[in-house]
Amino acid sequence: MIEVEDVERRQLARDLHDSVSQSIYAMTLYTRAARRQLSEGNVGAVEKYLSDLHTTAREALAAPDIE
């Protein structure tokens, strides 16, 4: 029984790591896109990317939805 729990715990840790890594990667893409749009003076697009960045960060901090 302990071995099964250990396997499940390791799987959960991998899933959580993958989820967090994906969120961080998405945030870097939003940041890069916002910087590019800022350099072009496109404030509306910057606001959108910052909003998406904020949403992604909040979701990453929320309780993980691991199946």
Protein backbone atom coordinates (compact mmCIF):
# COMPACT_ATOMS: atom_id res chain seq x y z
CA MET A 1 0.00 0.00 0.00
CA ILE A 2 2.82 2.40 0.82
CA GLU A 3 4.39 1.73 -2.58
CA VAL A 4 1.15 2.64 -4.37
CA GLU A 5 0.91 5.88 -2.37
CA ASP A 6 4.52 6.69 -3.23
CA VAL A 7 3.87 6.13 -6.95
CA GLU A 8 0.76 8.33 -6.80
CA ARG A 9 2.66 11.04 -4.91
CA ARG A 10 5.44 11.03 -7.51
CA GLN A 11 2.93 11.23 -10.37
CA LEU A 12 1.17 14.15 -8.69
CA ALA A 13 4.51 15.93 -8.25
CA ARG A 14 5.34 15.43 -11.96
CA ASP A 15 1.91 16.67 -13.02
CA LEU A 16 2.16 19.73 -10.79
CA HIS A 17 5.66 20.50 -12.09
CA ASP A 18 4.46 20.22 -15.70
CA SER A 19 1.48 22.49 -15.02
CA VAL A 20 3.60 25.15 -13.32
CA SER A 21 6.23 24.97 -16.06
CA GLN A 22 3.58 25.52 -18.74
CA SER A 23 2.19 28.52 -16.86
CA ILE A 24 5.64 30.08 -16.47
CA TYR A 25 6.38 29.52 -20.14
CA ALA A 26 3.08 31.17 -21.12
CA MET A 27 3.91 34.15 -18.89
CA THR A 28 7.28 34.59 -20.63
CA LEU A 29 5.50 34.61 -24.00
CA TYR A 30 3.00 37.24 -22.81
CA THR A 31 5.85 39.34 -21.45
CA ARG A 32 7.82 39.10 -24.69
CA ALA A 33 4.76 40.00 -26.76
CA ALA A 34 3.93 42.95 -24.48
CA ARG A 35 7.48 44.31 -24.77
CA ARG A 36 7.35 44.03 -28.56
CA GLN A 37 4.00 45.82 -28.73
CA LEU A 38 5.22 48.48 -26.29
CA SER A 39 8.20 49.23 -28.53
CA GLU A 40 5.72 49.69 -31.40
CA GLY A 41 3.54 52.00 -29.32
CA ASN A 42 0.55 49.65 -29.35
CA VAL A 43 -0.78 50.33 -25.86
CA GLY A 44 -4.02 48.41 -26.39
CA ALA A 45 -2.16 45.21 -27.21
CA VAL A 46 0.15 45.74 -24.23
CA GLU A 47 -2.86 46.03 -21.93
CA LYS A 48 -4.28 42.79 -23.35
CA TYR A 49 -1.02 40.88 -22.89
CA LEU A 50 -0.62 42.22 -19.35
CA SER A 51 -4.16 41.14 -18.55
CA ASP A 52 -3.43 37.66 -19.94
CA LEU A 53 -0.20 37.57 -17.94
CA HIS A 54 -2.05 38.49 -14.76
CA THR A 55 -4.73 35.86 -15.37
CA THR A 56 -2.16 33.15 -16.03
CA ALA A 57 -0.22 34.04 -12.88
CA ARG A 58 -3.38 33.98 -10.75
CA GLU A 59 -4.39 30.62 -12.18
CA ALA A 60 -0.91 29.21 -11.51
CA LEU A 61 -1.19 30.31 -7.88
CA ALA A 62 -4.64 28.80 -7.46
CA ALA A 63 -5.12 25.23 -6.34
CA PRO A 64 -3.85 22.97 -9.13
CA ASP A 65 -6.39 21.06 -11.18
CA ILE A 66 -4.53 17.78 -11.42
CA GLU A 67 -6.39 14.70 -12.64
